[in-house]
């Protein structure tokens, strides 16, 4: 096989517009695509990603998984303390950050309950 990276991650959400607002406004992601799709009534291909990221997220309403069922999605940041404070000021409940053997990290949830983790770059050798 010649797999090079994860291209997209489908993230189950209940309300695409609410999820879009959270990921663009709260996390600073960019809108990659917002197109109609035949996957369900009023469903859109709503794709977001961090700036210049290799992997994007498609905020989907048509999967059999319940909104909020995705957990442990790790987002790398170089400003974890500032990002945690910014999220808290915006009303997001953030646990951490805490230092682990593989780096500093903090956890929180999107409006649907999907579990996200902010993580600083892992130390060399970890």
PDB file of N, CA and C in Angstrom:
ATOM      1  N   UNK A   1       0.848  -1.192   0.000  1.00  0.00           N
ATOM      2  CA  UNK A   1       0.000   0.000   0.000  1.00  0.00           C
ATOM      3  C   UNK A   1       0.882   1.240   0.000  1.00  0.00           C
ATOM      4  N   UNK A   2       0.303   2.316  -0.470  1.00  0.00           N
ATOM      5  CA  UNK A   2       1.053   3.580  -0.493  1.00  0.00           C
ATOM      6  C   UNK A   2       0.230   4.704   0.130  1.00  0.00           C
ATOM      7  N   UNK A   3      -0.357   4.437   1.275  1.00  0.00           N
ATOM      8  CA  UNK A   3      -1.141   5.439   2.002  1.00  0.00           C
ATOM      9  C   UNK A   3      -0.170   6.477   2.564  1.00  0.00           C
ATOM     10  N   UNK A   4      -0.491   7.746   2.359  1.00  0.00           N
ATOM     11  CA  UNK A   4       0.410   8.814   2.802  1.00  0.00           C
ATOM     12  C   UNK A   4      -0.122   9.621   3.981  1.00  0.00           C
ATOM     13  N   UNK A   5      -1.431   9.715   4.138  1.00  0.00           N
ATOM     14  CA  UNK A   5      -2.006  10.466   5.247  1.00  0.00           C
ATOM     15  C   UNK A   5      -3.513  10.243   5.298  1.00  0.00           C
ATOM     16  N   UNK A   6      -4.126  10.693   6.377  1.00  0.00           N
ATOM     17  CA  UNK A   6      -5.585  10.661   6.468  1.00  0.00           C
ATOM     18  C   UNK A   6      -6.100  11.883   5.728  1.00  0.00           C
ATOM     19  N   UNK A   7      -6.933  11.660   4.723  1.00  0.00           N
ATOM     20  CA  UNK A   7      -7.427  12.753   3.891  1.00  0.00           C
ATOM     21  C   UNK A   7      -8.571  13.514   4.554  1.00  0.00           C
ATOM     22  N   UNK A   8      -9.605  12.774   4.967  1.00  0.00           N
ATOM     23  CA  UNK A   8     -10.782  13.394   5.576  1.00  0.00           C
ATOM     24  C   UNK A   8     -11.284  12.524   6.709  1.00  0.00           C
ATOM     25  N   UNK A   9     -11.939  13.165   7.645  1.00  0.00           N
ATOM     26  CA  UNK A   9     -12.582  12.495   8.759  1.00  0.00           C
ATOM     27  C   UNK A   9     -14.039  12.935   8.760  1.00  0.00           C
ATOM     28  N   UNK A  10     -14.968  11.994   8.742  1.00  0.00           N
ATOM     29  CA  UNK A  10     -16.391  12.330   8.818  1.00  0.00           C
ATOM     30  C   UNK A  10     -16.772  12.471  10.278  1.00  0.00           C
ATOM     31  N   UNK A  11     -17.316  13.616  10.631  1.00  0.00           N
ATOM     32  CA  UNK A  11     -17.680  13.917  12.005  1.00  0.00           C
ATOM     33  C   UNK A  11     -19.199  14.052  12.099  1.00  0.00           C
ATOM     34  N   UNK A  12     -19.876  13.140  12.824  1.00  0.00           N
ATOM     35  CA  UNK A  12     -21.334  13.201  12.896  1.00  0.00           C
ATOM     36  C   UNK A  12     -21.821  14.378  13.751  1.00  0.00           C
ATOM     37  N   UNK A  13     -22.689  15.182  13.156  1.00  0.00           N
ATOM     38  CA  UNK A  13     -23.265  16.341  13.841  1.00  0.00           C
ATOM     39  C   UNK A  13     -24.769  16.362  13.613  1.00  0.00           C
ATOM     40  N   UNK A  14     -25.492  17.037  14.495  1.00  0.00           N
ATOM     41  CA  UNK A  14     -26.948  17.145  14.366  1.00  0.00           C
ATOM     42  C   UNK A  14     -27.340  18.341  13.510  1.00  0.00           C
ATOM     43  N   UNK A  15     -26.601  19.423  13.621  1.00  0.00           N
ATOM     44  CA  UNK A  15     -26.919  20.684  12.951  1.00  0.00           C
ATOM     45  C   UNK A  15     -25.660  21.186  12.261  1.00  0.00           C
ATOM     46  N   UNK A  16     -25.642  21.082  10.942  1.00  0.00           N
ATOM     47  CA  UNK A  16     -24.437  21.455  10.198  1.00  0.00           C
ATOM     48  C   UNK A  16     -24.088  22.935  10.361  1.00  0.00           C
ATOM     49  N   UNK A  17     -25.069  23.783  10.389  1.00  0.00           N
ATOM     50  CA  UNK A  17     -24.794  25.220  10.502  1.00  0.00           C
ATOM     51  C   UNK A  17     -24.185  25.558  11.866  1.00  0.00           C
ATOM     52  N   UNK A  18     -24.716  24.970  12.931  1.00  0.00           N
ATOM     53  CA  UNK A  18     -24.165  25.187  14.270  1.00  0.00           C
ATOM     54  C   UNK A  18     -22.730  24.655  14.352  1.00  0.00           C
ATOM     55  N   UNK A  19     -22.496  23.466  13.793  1.00  0.00           N
ATOM     56  CA  UNK A  19     -21.157  22.877  13.796  1.00  0.00           C
ATOM     57  C   UNK A  19     -20.196  23.732  12.965  1.00  0.00           C
ATOM     58  N   UNK A  20     -20.652  24.205  11.829  1.00  0.00           N
ATOM     59  CA  UNK A  20     -19.819  25.070  10.981  1.00  0.00           C
ATOM     60  C   UNK A  20     -19.400  26.310  11.760  1.00  0.00           C
ATOM     61  N   UNK A  21     -20.331  26.933  12.444  1.00  0.00           N
ATOM     62  CA  UNK A  21     -20.029  28.126  13.238  1.00  0.00           C
ATOM     63  C   UNK A  21     -18.971  27.816  14.296  1.00  0.00           C
ATOM     64  N   UNK A  22     -19.113  26.701  15.011  1.00  0.00           N
ATOM     65  CA  UNK A  22     -18.164  26.330  16.052  1.00  0.00           C
ATOM     66  C   UNK A  22     -16.765  26.129  15.473  1.00  0.00           C
ATOM     67  N   UNK A  23     -16.656  25.339  14.437  1.00  0.00           N
ATOM     68  CA  UNK A  23     -15.331  25.022  13.894  1.00  0.00           C
ATOM     69  C   UNK A  23     -14.669  26.230  13.221  1.00  0.00           C
ATOM     70  N   UNK A  24     -15.448  27.072  12.570  1.00  0.00           N
ATOM     71  CA  UNK A  24     -14.857  28.256  11.922  1.00  0.00           C
ATOM     72  C   UNK A  24     -14.576  29.362  12.928  1.00  0.00           C
ATOM     73  N   UNK A  25     -15.537  29.653  13.787  1.00  0.00           N
ATOM     74  CA  UNK A  25     -15.415  30.792  14.705  1.00  0.00           C
ATOM     75  C   UNK A  25     -14.602  30.455  15.954  1.00  0.00           C
ATOM     76  N   UNK A  26     -14.922  29.352  16.592  1.00  0.00           N
ATOM     77  CA  UNK A  26     -14.262  29.006  17.855  1.00  0.00           C
ATOM     78  C   UNK A  26     -12.863  28.434  17.654  1.00  0.00           C
ATOM     79  N   UNK A  27     -12.702  27.573  16.642  1.00  0.00           N
ATOM     80  CA  UNK A  27     -11.418  26.906  16.447  1.00  0.00           C
ATOM     81  C   UNK A  27     -10.574  27.519  15.334  1.00  0.00           C
ATOM     82  N   UNK A  28     -11.144  28.437  14.579  1.00  0.00           N
ATOM     83  CA  UNK A  28     -10.365  29.111  13.532  1.00  0.00           C
ATOM     84  C   UNK A  28     -10.122  28.274  12.293  1.00  0.00           C
ATOM     85  N   UNK A  29     -10.921  27.218  12.098  1.00  0.00           N
ATOM     86  CA  UNK A  29     -10.782  26.417  10.892  1.00  0.00           C
ATOM     87  C   UNK A  29     -11.228  27.244   9.692  1.00  0.00           C
ATOM     88  N   UNK A  30     -10.885  26.766   8.513  1.00  0.00           N
ATOM     89  CA  UNK A  30     -11.320  27.395   7.262  1.00  0.00           C
ATOM     90  C   UNK A  30     -12.355  26.510   6.586  1.00  0.00           C
ATOM     91  N   UNK A  31     -13.242  27.144   5.837  1.00  0.00           N
ATOM     92  CA  UNK A  31     -14.236  26.414   5.054  1.00  0.00           C
ATOM     93  C   UNK A  31     -13.549  25.894   3.791  1.00  0.00           C
ATOM     94  N   UNK A  32     -13.583  24.585   3.582  1.00  0.00           N
ATOM     95  CA  UNK A  32     -12.983  23.971   2.398  1.00  0.00           C
ATOM     96  C   UNK A  32     -14.031  23.842   1.298  1.00  0.00           C
ATOM     97  N   UNK A  33     -15.200  23.265   1.659  1.00  0.00           N
ATOM     98  CA  UNK A  33     -16.300  23.103   0.709  1.00  0.00           C
ATOM     99  C   UNK A  33     -17.625  23.154   1.449  1.00  0.00           C
ATOM    100  N   UNK A  34     -18.634  23.694   0.777  1.00  0.00           N
ATOM    101  CA  UNK A  34     -19.997  23.686   1.282  1.00  0.00           C
ATOM    102  C   UNK A  34     -20.893  23.495   0.064  1.00  0.00           C
ATOM    103  N   UNK A  35     -21.227  22.233  -0.212  1.00  0.00           N
ATOM    104  CA  UNK A  35     -21.953  21.881  -1.432  1.00  0.00           C
ATOM    105  C   UNK A  35     -23.164  21.008  -1.108  1.00  0.00           C
ATOM    106  N   UNK A  36     -24.201  21.081  -1.942  1.00  0.00           N
ATOM    107  CA  UNK A  36     -25.329  20.167  -1.746  1.00  0.00           C
ATOM    108  C   UNK A  36     -24.851  18.723  -1.971  1.00  0.00           C
ATOM    109  N   UNK A  37     -25.481  17.776  -1.304  1.00  0.00           N
ATOM    110  CA  UNK A  37     -25.144  16.363  -1.489  1.00  0.00           C
ATOM    111  C   UNK A  37     -26.426  15.541  -1.494  1.00  0.00           C
ATOM    112  N   UNK A  38     -26.450  14.447  -2.214  1.00  0.00           N
ATOM    113  CA  UNK A  38     -27.649  13.589  -2.241  1.00  0.00           C
ATOM    114  C   UNK A  38     -27.736  12.654  -1.035  1.00  0.00           C
ATOM    115  N   UNK A  39     -26.970  12.885   0.011  1.00  0.00           N
ATOM    116  CA  UNK A  39     -26.903  11.970   1.155  1.00  0.00           C
ATOM    117  C   UNK A  39     -28.087  12.079   2.113  1.00  0.00           C
ATOM    118  N   UNK A  40     -28.977  13.021   1.912  1.00  0.00           N
ATOM    119  CA  UNK A  40     -30.133  13.148   2.790  1.00  0.00           C
ATOM    120  C   UNK A  40     -30.805  14.484   2.573  1.00  0.00           C
ATOM    121  N   UNK A  41     -31.997  14.612   3.115  1.00  0.00           N
ATOM    122  CA  UNK A  41     -32.751  15.851   2.963  1.00  0.00           C
ATOM    123  C   UNK A  41     -32.000  17.015   3.608  1.00  0.00           C
ATOM    124  N   UNK A  42     -31.799  18.064   2.856  1.00  0.00           N
ATOM    125  CA  UNK A  42     -31.095  19.269   3.290  1.00  0.00           C
ATOM    126  C   UNK A  42     -29.638  19.014   3.692  1.00  0.00           C
ATOM    127  N   UNK A  43     -29.069  17.864   3.340  1.00  0.00           N
ATOM    128  CA  UNK A  43     -27.683  17.558   3.693  1.00  0.00           C
ATOM    129  C   UNK A  43     -26.730  18.296   2.757  1.00  0.00           C
ATOM    130  N   UNK A  44     -25.599  18.674   3.332  1.00  0.00           N
ATOM    131  CA  UNK A  44     -24.566  19.369   2.557  1.00  0.00           C
ATOM    132  C   UNK A  44     -23.242  18.657   2.787  1.00  0.00           C
ATOM    133  N   UNK A  45     -22.356  18.769   1.804  1.00  0.00           N
ATOM    134  CA  UNK A  45     -20.967  18.348   1.991  1.00  0.00           C
ATOM    135  C   UNK A  45     -20.297  19.561   2.599  1.00  0.00           C
ATOM    136  N   UNK A  46     -20.153  19.540   3.915  1.00  0.00           N
ATOM    137  CA  UNK A  46     -19.638  20.681   4.655  1.00  0.00           C
ATOM    138  C   UNK A  46     -18.276  20.293   5.220  1.00  0.00           C
ATOM    139  N   UNK A  47     -17.223  20.752   4.558  1.00  0.00           N
ATOM    140  CA  UNK A  47     -15.856  20.350   4.881  1.00  0.00           C
ATOM    141  C   UNK A  47     -15.076  21.530   5.440  1.00  0.00           C
ATOM    142  N   UNK A  48     -14.433  21.313   6.582  1.00  0.00           N
ATOM    143  CA  UNK A  48     -13.647  22.342   7.259  1.00  0.00           C
ATOM    144  C   UNK A  48     -12.276  21.776   7.604  1.00  0.00           C
ATOM    145  N   UNK A  49     -11.308  22.670   7.799  1.00  0.00           N
ATOM    146  CA  UNK A  49      -9.960  22.214   8.143  1.00  0.00           C
ATOM    147  C   UNK A  49      -9.160  23.355   8.746  1.00  0.00           C
ATOM    148  N   UNK A  50      -8.173  23.010   9.581  1.00  0.00           N
ATOM    149  CA  UNK A  50      -7.230  24.042  10.009  1.00  0.00           C
ATOM    150  C   UNK A  50      -6.480  24.565   8.781  1.00  0.00           C
ATOM    151  N   UNK A  51      -6.042  25.780   8.845  1.00  0.00           N
ATOM    152  CA  UNK A  51      -5.322  26.383   7.724  1.00  0.00           C
ATOM    153  C   UNK A  51      -4.118  25.522   7.335  1.00  0.00           C
ATOM    154  N   UNK A  52      -4.029  25.210   6.066  1.00  0.00           N
ATOM    155  CA  UNK A  52      -2.925  24.447   5.465  1.00  0.00           C
ATOM    156  C   UNK A  52      -2.802  23.020   5.998  1.00  0.00           C
ATOM    157  N   UNK A  53      -3.857  22.470   6.564  1.00  0.00           N
ATOM    158  CA  UNK A  53      -3.817  21.102   7.088  1.00  0.00           C
ATOM    159  C   UNK A  53      -3.929  20.080   5.961  1.00  0.00           C
ATOM    160  N   UNK A  54      -3.329  18.925   6.163  1.00  0.00           N
ATOM    161  CA  UNK A  54      -3.436  17.829   5.201  1.00  0.00           C
ATOM    162  C   UNK A  54      -4.754  17.069   5.371  1.00  0.00           C
ATOM    163  N   UNK A  55      -5.333  17.126   6.563  1.00  0.00           N
ATOM    164  CA  UNK A  55      -6.559  16.401   6.865  1.00  0.00           C
ATOM    165  C   UNK A  55      -7.690  17.385   7.144  1.00  0.00           C
ATOM    166  N   UNK A  56      -8.862  17.093   6.600  1.00  0.00           N
ATOM    167  CA  UNK A  56     -10.029  17.935   6.849  1.00  0.00           C
ATOM    168  C   UNK A  56     -11.114  17.112   7.523  1.00  0.00           C
ATOM    169  N   UNK A  57     -12.154  17.807   7.997  1.00  0.00           N
ATOM    170  CA  UNK A  57     -13.310  17.164   8.616  1.00  0.00           C
ATOM    171  C   UNK A  57     -14.540  17.492   7.780  1.00  0.00           C
ATOM    172  N   UNK A  58     -15.361  16.475   7.536  1.00  0.00           N
ATOM    173  CA  UNK A  58     -16.647  16.679   6.879  1.00  0.00           C
ATOM    174  C   UNK A  58     -17.705  16.566   7.969  1.00  0.00           C
ATOM    175  N   UNK A  59     -18.435  17.632   8.184  1.00  0.00           N
ATOM    176  CA  UNK A  59     -19.471  17.704   9.224  1.00  0.00           C
ATOM    177  C   UNK A  59     -20.747  17.115   8.632  1.00  0.00           C
ATOM    178  N   UNK A  60     -21.044  15.872   9.005  1.00  0.00           N
ATOM    179  CA  UNK A  60     -22.089  15.108   8.322  1.00  0.00           C
ATOM    180  C   UNK A  60     -23.305  14.858   9.216  1.00  0.00           C
ATOM    181  N   UNK A  61     -24.472  14.795   8.560  1.00  0.00           N
ATOM    182  CA  UNK A  61     -25.718  14.472   9.250  1.00  0.00           C
ATOM    183  C   UNK A  61     -26.292  13.141   8.768  1.00  0.00           C
ATOM    184  N   UNK A  62     -25.677  12.502   7.798  1.00  0.00           N
ATOM    185  CA  UNK A  62     -26.259  11.332   7.169  1.00  0.00           C
ATOM    186  C   UNK A  62     -25.649   9.988   7.591  1.00  0.00           C
ATOM    187  N   UNK A  63     -24.719   9.975   8.502  1.00  0.00           N
ATOM    188  CA  UNK A  63     -24.147   8.706   8.952  1.00  0.00           C
ATOM    189  C   UNK A  63     -25.046   8.041   9.986  1.00  0.00           C
ATOM    190  N   UNK A  64     -24.888   6.733  10.131  1.00  0.00           N
ATOM    191  CA  UNK A  64     -25.688   6.023  11.129  1.00  0.00           C
ATOM    192  C   UNK A  64     -25.186   6.298  12.554  1.00  0.00           C
ATOM    193  N   UNK A  65     -23.932   6.742  12.695  1.00  0.00           N
ATOM    194  CA  UNK A  65     -23.426   7.082  14.020  1.00  0.00           C
ATOM    195  C   UNK A  65     -24.139   8.330  14.536  1.00  0.00           C
ATOM    196  N   UNK A  66     -24.407   8.331  15.813  1.00  0.00           N
ATOM    197  CA  UNK A  66     -25.099   9.457  16.428  1.00  0.00           C
ATOM    198  C   UNK A  66     -24.172  10.665  16.533  1.00  0.00           C
ATOM    199  N   UNK A  67     -24.732  11.866  16.408  1.00  0.00           N
ATOM    200  CA  UNK A  67     -23.933  13.061  16.670  1.00  0.00           C
ATOM    201  C   UNK A  67     -23.308  12.961  18.058  1.00  0.00           C
ATOM    202  N   UNK A  68     -22.064  13.317  18.157  1.00  0.00           N
ATOM    203  CA  UNK A  68     -21.368  13.261  19.436  1.00  0.00           C
ATOM    204  C   UNK A  68     -20.663  11.944  19.686  1.00  0.00           C
ATOM    205  N   UNK A  69     -20.730  11.023  18.741  1.00  0.00           N
ATOM    206  CA  UNK A  69     -20.131   9.703  18.957  1.00  0.00           C
ATOM    207  C   UNK A  69     -18.632   9.660  18.680  1.00  0.00           C
ATOM    208  N   UNK A  70     -18.076  10.658  18.037  1.00  0.00           N
ATOM    209  CA  UNK A  70     -16.632  10.692  17.777  1.00  0.00           C
ATOM    210  C   UNK A  70     -15.923  11.208  19.030  1.00  0.00           C
ATOM    211  N   UNK A  71     -14.871  10.528  19.429  1.00  0.00           N
ATOM    212  CA  UNK A  71     -14.149  10.911  20.644  1.00  0.00           C
ATOM    213  C   UNK A  71     -12.645  10.843  20.400  1.00  0.00           C
ATOM    214  N   UNK A  72     -11.904  11.669  21.111  1.00  0.00           N
ATOM    215  CA  UNK A  72     -10.444  11.602  21.071  1.00  0.00           C
ATOM    216  C   UNK A  72      -9.802  12.157  19.821  1.00  0.00           C
ATOM    217  N   UNK A  73     -10.467  13.049  19.126  1.00  0.00           N
ATOM    218  CA  UNK A  73      -9.882  13.654  17.927  1.00  0.00           C
ATOM    219  C   UNK A  73      -8.852  14.686  18.389  1.00  0.00           C
ATOM    220  N   UNK A  74      -7.599  14.450  18.049  1.00  0.00           N
ATOM    221  CA  UNK A  74      -6.515  15.310  18.538  1.00  0.00           C
ATOM    222  C   UNK A  74      -6.176  16.400  17.532  1.00  0.00           C
ATOM    223  N   UNK A  75      -6.153  17.635  18.030  1.00  0.00           N
ATOM    224  CA  UNK A  75      -5.830  18.811  17.232  1.00  0.00           C
ATOM    225  C   UNK A  75      -4.530  19.393  17.766  1.00  0.00           C
ATOM    226  N   UNK A  76      -3.519  19.493  16.927  1.00  0.00           N
ATOM    227  CA  UNK A  76      -2.233  20.001  17.392  1.00  0.00           C
ATOM    228  C   UNK A  76      -2.227  21.522  17.396  1.00  0.00           C
ATOM    229  N   UNK A  77      -1.647  22.086  18.452  1.00  0.00           N
ATOM    230  CA  UNK A  77      -1.513  23.528  18.591  1.00  0.00           C
ATOM    231  C   UNK A  77      -0.169  23.858  19.229  1.00  0.00           C
ATOM    232  N   UNK A  78       0.357  25.008  18.912  1.00  0.00           N
ATOM    233  CA  UNK A  78       1.602  25.454  19.547  1.00  0.00           C
ATOM    234  C   UNK A  78       1.321  26.478  20.635  1.00  0.00           C
ATOM    235  N   UNK A  79       0.040  26.793  20.853  1.00  0.00           N
ATOM    236  CA  UNK A  79      -0.345  27.783  21.869  1.00  0.00           C
ATOM    237  C   UNK A  79      -1.455  27.210  22.754  1.00  0.00           C
ATOM    238  N   UNK A  80      -1.209  26.073  23.353  1.00  0.00           N
ATOM    239  CA  UNK A  80      -2.255  25.350  24.072  1.00  0.00           C
ATOM    240  C   UNK A  80      -2.844  26.150  25.233  1.00  0.00           C
ATOM    241  N   UNK A  81      -2.015  26.821  26.028  1.00  0.00           N
ATOM    242  CA  UNK A  81      -2.535  27.577  27.173  1.00  0.00           C
ATOM    243  C   UNK A  81      -3.447  28.717  26.706  1.00  0.00           C
ATOM    244  N   UNK A  82      -3.014  29.446  25.697  1.00  0.00           N
ATOM    245  CA  UNK A  82      -3.819  30.556  25.171  1.00  0.00           C
ATOM    246  C   UNK A  82      -5.104  30.044  24.533  1.00  0.00           C
ATOM    247  N   UNK A  83      -5.003  28.924  23.816  1.00  0.00           N
ATOM    248  CA  UNK A  83      -6.193  28.365  23.169  1.00  0.00           C
ATOM    249  C   UNK A  83      -7.220  27.911  24.205  1.00  0.00           C
ATOM    250  N   UNK A  84      -6.748  27.279  25.279  1.00  0.00           N
ATOM    251  CA  UNK A  84      -7.664  26.850  26.349  1.00  0.00           C
ATOM    252  C   UNK A  84      -8.369  28.049  26.964  1.00  0.00           C
ATOM    253  N   UNK A  85      -7.624  29.109  27.228  1.00  0.00           N
ATOM    254  CA  UNK A  85      -8.217  30.303  27.822  1.00  0.00           C
ATOM    255  C   UNK A  85      -9.237  30.936  26.879  1.00  0.00           C
ATOM    256  N   UNK A  86      -8.924  30.978  25.610  1.00  0.00           N
ATOM    257  CA  UNK A  86      -9.850  31.547  24.618  1.00  0.00           C
ATOM    258  C   UNK A  86     -11.147  30.740  24.574  1.00  0.00           C
ATOM    259  N   UNK A  87     -11.037  29.420  24.578  1.00  0.00           N
ATOM    260  CA  UNK A  87     -12.229  28.575  24.578  1.00  0.00           C
ATOM    261  C   UNK A  87     -13.052  28.782  25.845  1.00  0.00           C
ATOM    262  N   UNK A  88     -12.382  28.852  26.977  1.00  0.00           N
ATOM    263  CA  UNK A  88     -13.097  29.083  28.253  1.00  0.00           C
ATOM    264  C   UNK A  88     -13.835  30.414  28.238  1.00  0.00           C
ATOM    265  N   UNK A  89     -13.177  31.452  27.736  1.00  0.00           N
ATOM    266  CA  UNK A  89     -13.817  32.771  27.671  1.00  0.00           C
ATOM    267  C   UNK A  89     -15.041  32.750  26.768  1.00  0.00           C
ATOM    268  N   UNK A  90     -15.059  31.837  25.804  1.00  0.00           N
ATOM    269  CA  UNK A  90     -16.200  31.718  24.900  1.00  0.00           C
ATOM    270  C   UNK A  90     -17.268  30.768  25.449  1.00  0.00           C
ATOM    271  N   UNK A  91     -17.062  30.254  26.675  1.00  0.00           N
ATOM    272  CA  UNK A  91     -18.063  29.411  27.303  1.00  0.00           C
ATOM    273  C   UNK A  91     -17.888  27.917  27.110  1.00  0.00           C
ATOM    274  N   UNK A  92     -16.778  27.499  26.519  1.00  0.00           N
ATOM    275  CA  UNK A  92     -16.525  26.068  26.319  1.00  0.00           C
ATOM    276  C   UNK A  92     -15.890  25.501  27.593  1.00  0.00           C
ATOM    277  N   UNK A  93     -16.375  24.358  28.042  1.00  0.00           N
ATOM    278  CA  UNK A  93     -15.777  23.689  29.204  1.00  0.00           C
ATOM    279  C   UNK A  93     -14.540  22.938  28.726  1.00  0.00           C
ATOM    280  N   UNK A  94     -13.389  23.298  29.302  1.00  0.00           N
ATOM    281  CA  UNK A  94     -12.116  22.700  28.912  1.00  0.00           C
ATOM    282  C   UNK A  94     -11.495  22.031  30.120  1.00  0.00           C
ATOM    283  N   UNK A  95     -11.087  20.790  29.968  1.00  0.00           N
ATOM    284  CA  UNK A  95     -10.364  20.074  31.023  1.00  0.00           C
ATOM    285  C   UNK A  95      -8.881  20.134  30.696  1.00  0.00           C
ATOM    286  N   UNK A  96      -8.085  20.678  31.615  1.00  0.00           N
ATOM    287  CA  UNK A  96      -6.644  20.808  31.386  1.00  0.00           C
ATOM    288  C   UNK A  96      -6.292  22.226  31.023  1.00  0.00           C
ATOM    289  N   UNK A  97      -5.118  22.437  30.539  1.00  0.00           N
ATOM    290  CA  UNK A  97      -4.197  21.430  30.031  1.00  0.00           C
ATOM    291  C   UNK A  97      -3.431  20.726  31.139  1.00  0.00           C
ATOM    292  N   UNK A  98      -3.005  19.541  30.801  1.00  0.00           N
ATOM    293  CA  UNK A  98      -2.188  18.757  31.712  1.00  0.00           C
ATOM    294  C   UNK A  98      -0.996  18.202  30.946  1.00  0.00           C
ATOM    295  N   UNK A  99       0.088  17.985  31.654  1.00  0.00           N
ATOM    296  CA  UNK A  99       1.291  17.461  31.030  1.00  0.00           C
ATOM    297  C   UNK A  99       1.275  15.938  31.114  1.00  0.00           C
ATOM    298  N   UNK A 100       1.503  15.309  29.978  1.00  0.00           N
ATOM    299  CA  UNK A 100       1.569  13.852  29.889  1.00  0.00           C
ATOM    300  C   UNK A 100       2.942  13.479  29.328  1.00  0.00           C
ATOM    301  N   UNK A 101       3.323  12.207  29.388  1.00  0.00           N
ATOM    302  CA  UNK A 101       4.617  11.811  28.811  1.00  0.00           C
ATOM    303  C   UNK A 101       4.726  12.088  27.315  1.00  0.00           C
ATOM    304  N   UNK A 102       3.600  12.208  26.624  1.00  0.00           N
ATOM    305  CA  UNK A 102       3.621  12.452  25.178  1.00  0.00           C
ATOM    306  C   UNK A 102       3.289  13.899  24.831  1.00  0.00           C
ATOM    307  N   UNK A 103       3.276  14.785  25.813  1.00  0.00           N
ATOM    308  CA  UNK A 103       3.049  16.205  25.565  1.00  0.00           C
ATOM    309  C   UNK A 103       1.920  16.764  26.408  1.00  0.00           C
ATOM    310  N   UNK A 104       1.714  18.031  26.294  1.00  0.00           N
ATOM    311  CA  UNK A 104       0.668  18.733  27.041  1.00  0.00           C
ATOM    312  C   UNK A 104      -0.633  18.655  26.247  1.00  0.00           C
ATOM    313  N   UNK A 105      -1.757  18.421  26.947  1.00  0.00           N
ATOM    314  CA  UNK A 105      -3.025  18.348  26.240  1.00  0.00           C
ATOM    315  C   UNK A 105      -4.198  18.771  27.118  1.00  0.00           C
ATOM    316  N   UNK A 106      -5.284  19.131  26.453  1.00  0.00           N
ATOM    317  CA  UNK A 106      -6.526  19.540  27.103  1.00  0.00           C
ATOM    318  C   UNK A 106      -7.686  18.986  26.279  1.00  0.00           C
ATOM    319  N   UNK A 107      -8.800  18.707  26.947  1.00  0.00           N
ATOM    320  CA  UNK A 107      -9.937  18.145  26.222  1.00  0.00           C
ATOM    321  C   UNK A 107     -11.181  19.019  26.372  1.00  0.00           C
ATOM    322  N   UNK A 108     -12.046  18.937  25.367  1.00  0.00           N
ATOM    323  CA  UNK A 108     -13.304  19.674  25.339  1.00  0.00           C
ATOM    324  C   UNK A 108     -14.222  19.010  24.323  1.00  0.00           C
ATOM    325  N   UNK A 109     -15.448  19.480  24.220  1.00  0.00           N
ATOM    326  CA  UNK A 109     -16.422  18.915  23.286  1.00  0.00           C
ATOM    327  C   UNK A 109     -16.973  19.991  22.359  1.00  0.00           C
ATOM    328  N   UNK A 110     -17.328  19.573  21.154  1.00  0.00           N
ATOM    329  CA  UNK A 110     -18.022  20.493  20.248  1.00  0.00           C
ATOM    330  C   UNK A 110     -19.492  20.542  20.666  1.00  0.00           C
ATOM    331  N   UNK A 111     -20.320  21.362  20.029  1.00  0.00           N
ATOM    332  CA  UNK A 111     -21.728  21.482  20.459  1.00  0.00           C
ATOM    333  C   UNK A 111     -22.522  20.175  20.407  1.00  0.00           C
ATOM    334  N   UNK A 112     -22.070  19.200  19.617  1.00  0.00           N
ATOM    335  CA  UNK A 112     -22.765  17.922  19.524  1.00  0.00           C
ATOM    336  C   UNK A 112     -22.251  16.889  20.518  1.00  0.00           C
ATOM    337  N   UNK A 113     -21.157  17.193  21.215  1.00  0.00           N
ATOM    338  CA  UNK A 113     -20.587  16.251  22.165  1.00  0.00           C
ATOM    339  C   UNK A 113     -19.422  15.445  21.623  1.00  0.00           C
ATOM    340  N   UNK A 114     -18.997  15.712  20.396  1.00  0.00           N
ATOM    341  CA  UNK A 114     -17.808  15.053  19.870  1.00  0.00           C
ATOM    342  C   UNK A 114     -16.610  15.492  20.701  1.00  0.00           C
ATOM    343  N   UNK A 115     -15.802  14.533  21.130  1.00  0.00           N
ATOM    344  CA  UNK A 115     -14.674  14.811  22.009  1.00  0.00           C
ATOM    345  C   UNK A 115     -13.429  15.218  21.245  1.00  0.00           C
ATOM    346  N   UNK A 116     -12.906  16.395  21.585  1.00  0.00           N
ATOM    347  CA  UNK A 116     -11.717  16.938  20.940  1.00  0.00           C
ATOM    348  C   UNK A 116     -10.616  17.124  21.967  1.00  0.00           C
ATOM    349  N   UNK A 117      -9.380  16.989  21.521  1.00  0.00           N
ATOM    350  CA  UNK A 117      -8.228  17.151  22.388  1.00  0.00           C
ATOM    351  C   UNK A 117      -7.269  18.137  21.734  1.00  0.00           C
ATOM    352  N   UNK A 118      -6.919  19.194  22.463  1.00  0.00           N
ATOM    353  CA  UNK A 118      -5.847  20.088  22.034  1.00  0.00           C
ATOM    354  C   UNK A 118      -4.554  19.482  22.527  1.00  0.00           C
ATOM    355  N   UNK A 119      -3.573  19.377  21.663  1.00  0.00           N
ATOM    356  CA  UNK A 119      -2.301  18.789  22.052  1.00  0.00           C
ATOM    357  C   UNK A 119      -1.156  19.616  21.487  1.00  0.00           C
ATOM    358  N   UNK A 120      -0.158  19.873  22.330  1.00  0.00           N
ATOM    359  CA  UNK A 120       1.002  20.552  21.789  1.00  0.00           C
ATOM    360  C   UNK A 120       1.844  19.505  21.061  1.00  0.00           C
ATOM    361  N   UNK A 121       2.784  19.939  20.230  1.00  0.00           N
ATOM    362  CA  UNK A 121       3.593  18.958  19.504  1.00  0.00           C
ATOM    363  C   UNK A 121       4.295  18.017  20.497  1.00  0.00           C
ATOM    364  N   UNK A 122       4.268  16.733  20.192  1.00  0.00           N
ATOM    365  CA  UNK A 122       4.879  15.742  21.076  1.00  0.00           C
ATOM    366  C   UNK A 122       6.386  15.970  21.170  1.00  0.00           C
ATOM    367  N   UNK A 123       6.932  15.818  22.369  1.00  0.00           N
ATOM    368  CA  UNK A 123       8.380  15.968  22.503  1.00  0.00           C
ATOM    369  C   UNK A 123       9.122  14.924  21.669  1.00  0.00           C
ATOM    370  N   UNK A 124      10.300  15.260  21.228  1.00  0.00           N
ATOM    371  CA  UNK A 124      11.102  14.343  20.438  1.00  0.00           C
ATOM    372  C   UNK A 124      11.352  13.076  21.253  1.00  0.00           C
ATOM    373  N   UNK A 125      11.157  11.927  20.647  1.00  0.00           N
ATOM    374  CA  UNK A 125      11.387  10.659  21.311  1.00  0.00           C
ATOM    375  C   UNK A 125      10.211  10.139  22.094  1.00  0.00           C
ATOM    376  N   UNK A 126       9.109  10.908  22.140  1.00  0.00           N
ATOM    377  CA  UNK A 126       7.935  10.470  22.911  1.00  0.00           C
ATOM    378  C   UNK A 126       7.050   9.591  22.062  1.00  0.00           C
TER     379      UNK A 126
END
